[in-house]
Amino acid sequence: MDIASETTATSTTKAEPDGTFTKTVSPLPVRVKQADGSWAEVDAALVKAADGSYSPKVATSELILSGGGSGPLAVLYEGERAVSVSWPTYMPAPSVTGATVTYATFCRTSIWW
């Protein structure tokens, strides 16, 4: 039986039937505490927001990926701080599969003889 008070983002403790305890530890967060106090497994699958941007379903930090347009390509929030990455031209709408977002780009090349 899991001991809820001993659960963290990186570990769980289980009470075994024989009276011993088993602690399982991960080097990286594998779950995120939700507002209601429950835990959700990290899930990198991308979900589309009402504004067209994409974010991971469950993540330890807030990440917003562009749905296309002229805004930032990506913004990562960690508490009160944020870092953003921009692209110099208008971004096309991406194609999204699971946890992968792909922005189609093209290269214009002129060859002069």
Protein backbone atom coordinates (compact mmCIF):
# COMPACT_ATOMS: atom_id res chain seq x y z
CA MET A 1 0.00 0.00 0.00
CA ASP A 2 1.40 3.42 -0.99
CA ILE A 3 2.06 5.84 1.85
CA ALA A 4 0.62 9.11 0.51
CA SER A 5 2.47 11.36 2.97
CA GLU A 6 5.79 9.95 1.72
CA THR A 7 5.07 10.49 -1.98
CA THR A 8 7.11 13.17 -3.77
CA ALA A 9 7.74 14.15 -7.38
CA THR A 10 10.69 11.74 -7.44
CA SER A 11 9.81 8.98 -4.94
CA THR A 12 7.15 6.69 -3.51
CA THR A 13 7.16 4.61 -0.33
CA LYS A 14 5.12 1.45 -0.08
CA ALA A 15 4.17 -0.49 3.07
CA GLU A 16 4.65 -4.18 2.35
CA PRO A 17 2.41 -6.93 3.86
CA ASP A 18 5.36 -8.25 5.91
CA GLY A 19 5.74 -4.87 7.72
CA THR A 20 8.72 -3.62 5.71
CA PHE A 21 8.81 -0.55 3.51
CA THR A 22 9.98 -0.19 -0.10
CA LYS A 23 11.07 3.21 -1.39
CA THR A 24 11.34 3.75 -5.13
CA VAL A 25 13.36 6.78 -6.25
CA SER A 26 13.71 8.36 -9.69
CA PRO A 27 16.51 10.81 -10.63
CA LEU A 28 13.96 13.06 -12.37
CA PRO A 29 10.40 14.06 -11.47
CA VAL A 30 7.91 11.43 -12.64
CA ARG A 31 4.78 12.98 -11.10
CA VAL A 32 3.41 16.45 -10.45
CA LYS A 33 1.30 17.51 -7.47
CA GLN A 34 -2.03 18.91 -8.65
CA ALA A 35 -3.97 21.82 -7.12
CA ASP A 36 -6.33 19.36 -5.38
CA GLY A 37 -3.40 17.61 -3.67
CA SER A 38 -3.46 14.52 -5.90
CA TRP A 39 -0.48 13.38 -7.99
CA ALA A 40 -0.48 13.07 -11.79
CA GLU A 41 2.14 11.21 -13.81
CA VAL A 42 4.28 13.44 -16.06
CA ASP A 43 2.77 13.34 -19.55
CA ALA A 44 4.61 15.15 -22.36
CA ALA A 45 1.77 14.68 -24.88
CA LEU A 46 0.93 18.12 -26.25
CA VAL A 47 -2.51 19.63 -25.73
CA LYS A 48 -3.88 22.50 -27.80
CA ALA A 49 -5.10 25.54 -25.85
CA ALA A 50 -7.99 27.80 -26.84
CA ASP A 51 -5.51 30.39 -28.21
CA GLY A 52 -3.95 27.77 -30.54
CA SER A 53 -0.75 27.28 -28.54
CA TYR A 54 0.40 23.88 -27.23
CA SER A 55 1.58 22.72 -23.81
CA PRO A 56 2.49 19.35 -22.28
CA LYS A 57 -0.48 17.65 -20.62
CA VAL A 58 1.32 17.29 -17.24
CA ALA A 59 4.75 18.87 -16.65
CA THR A 60 6.89 20.16 -13.79
CA SER A 61 7.21 23.61 -15.43
CA GLU A 62 4.87 25.53 -17.68
CA LEU A 63 5.92 25.35 -21.34
CA ILE A 64 3.96 27.11 -24.09
CA LEU A 65 4.74 26.33 -27.74
CA SER A 66 3.52 28.50 -30.58
CA GLY A 67 0.48 27.49 -32.57
CA GLY A 68 1.87 29.61 -35.41
CA GLY A 69 2.00 33.34 -36.01
CA SER A 70 4.37 36.11 -35.02
CA GLY A 71 4.62 35.58 -31.22
CA PRO A 72 7.35 33.68 -29.40
CA LEU A 73 8.18 30.19 -30.65
CA ALA A 74 8.36 28.89 -27.06
CA VAL A 75 8.08 30.26 -23.53
CA LEU A 76 9.23 28.29 -20.47
CA TYR A 77 8.08 29.47 -17.05
CA GLU A 78 9.75 28.46 -13.78
CA GLY A 79 8.04 30.18 -10.86
CA GLU A 80 8.26 33.94 -11.39
CA ARG A 81 10.86 33.64 -14.16
CA ALA A 82 10.44 32.96 -17.85
CA VAL A 83 12.64 32.45 -20.87
CA SER A 84 11.38 32.72 -24.43
CA VAL A 85 12.68 31.82 -27.86
CA SER A 86 11.59 33.74 -30.93
CA TRP A 87 11.78 33.12 -34.64
CA PRO A 88 12.56 36.01 -37.04
CA THR A 89 9.68 35.31 -39.41
CA TYR A 90 6.00 34.40 -39.21
CA MET A 91 5.64 30.79 -38.00
CA PRO A 92 3.33 28.42 -39.85
CA ALA A 93 0.85 26.33 -37.84
CA PRO A 94 2.72 23.26 -36.59
CA SER A 95 1.92 19.62 -36.99
CA VAL A 96 1.64 17.88 -33.61
CA THR A 97 1.91 14.17 -32.85
CA GLY A 98 2.04 13.10 -29.21
CA ALA A 99 4.91 15.01 -27.60
CA THR A 100 6.41 16.20 -30.90
CA VAL A 101 5.67 19.53 -32.54
CA THR A 102 7.04 20.16 -36.03
CA TYR A 103 7.14 23.56 -37.70
CA ALA A 104 7.49 23.30 -41.47
CA THR A 105 10.24 25.55 -42.74
CA PHE A 106 11.52 26.25 -46.18
CA CYS A 107 14.67 27.59 -47.67
CA ARG A 108 14.71 30.10 -50.50
CA THR A 109 17.79 29.81 -52.59
CA SER A 110 18.66 31.89 -55.60
CA ILE A 111 21.32 30.69 -58.01
CA TRP A 112 22.84 33.27 -60.32
CA TRP A 113 24.84 32.31 -63.41
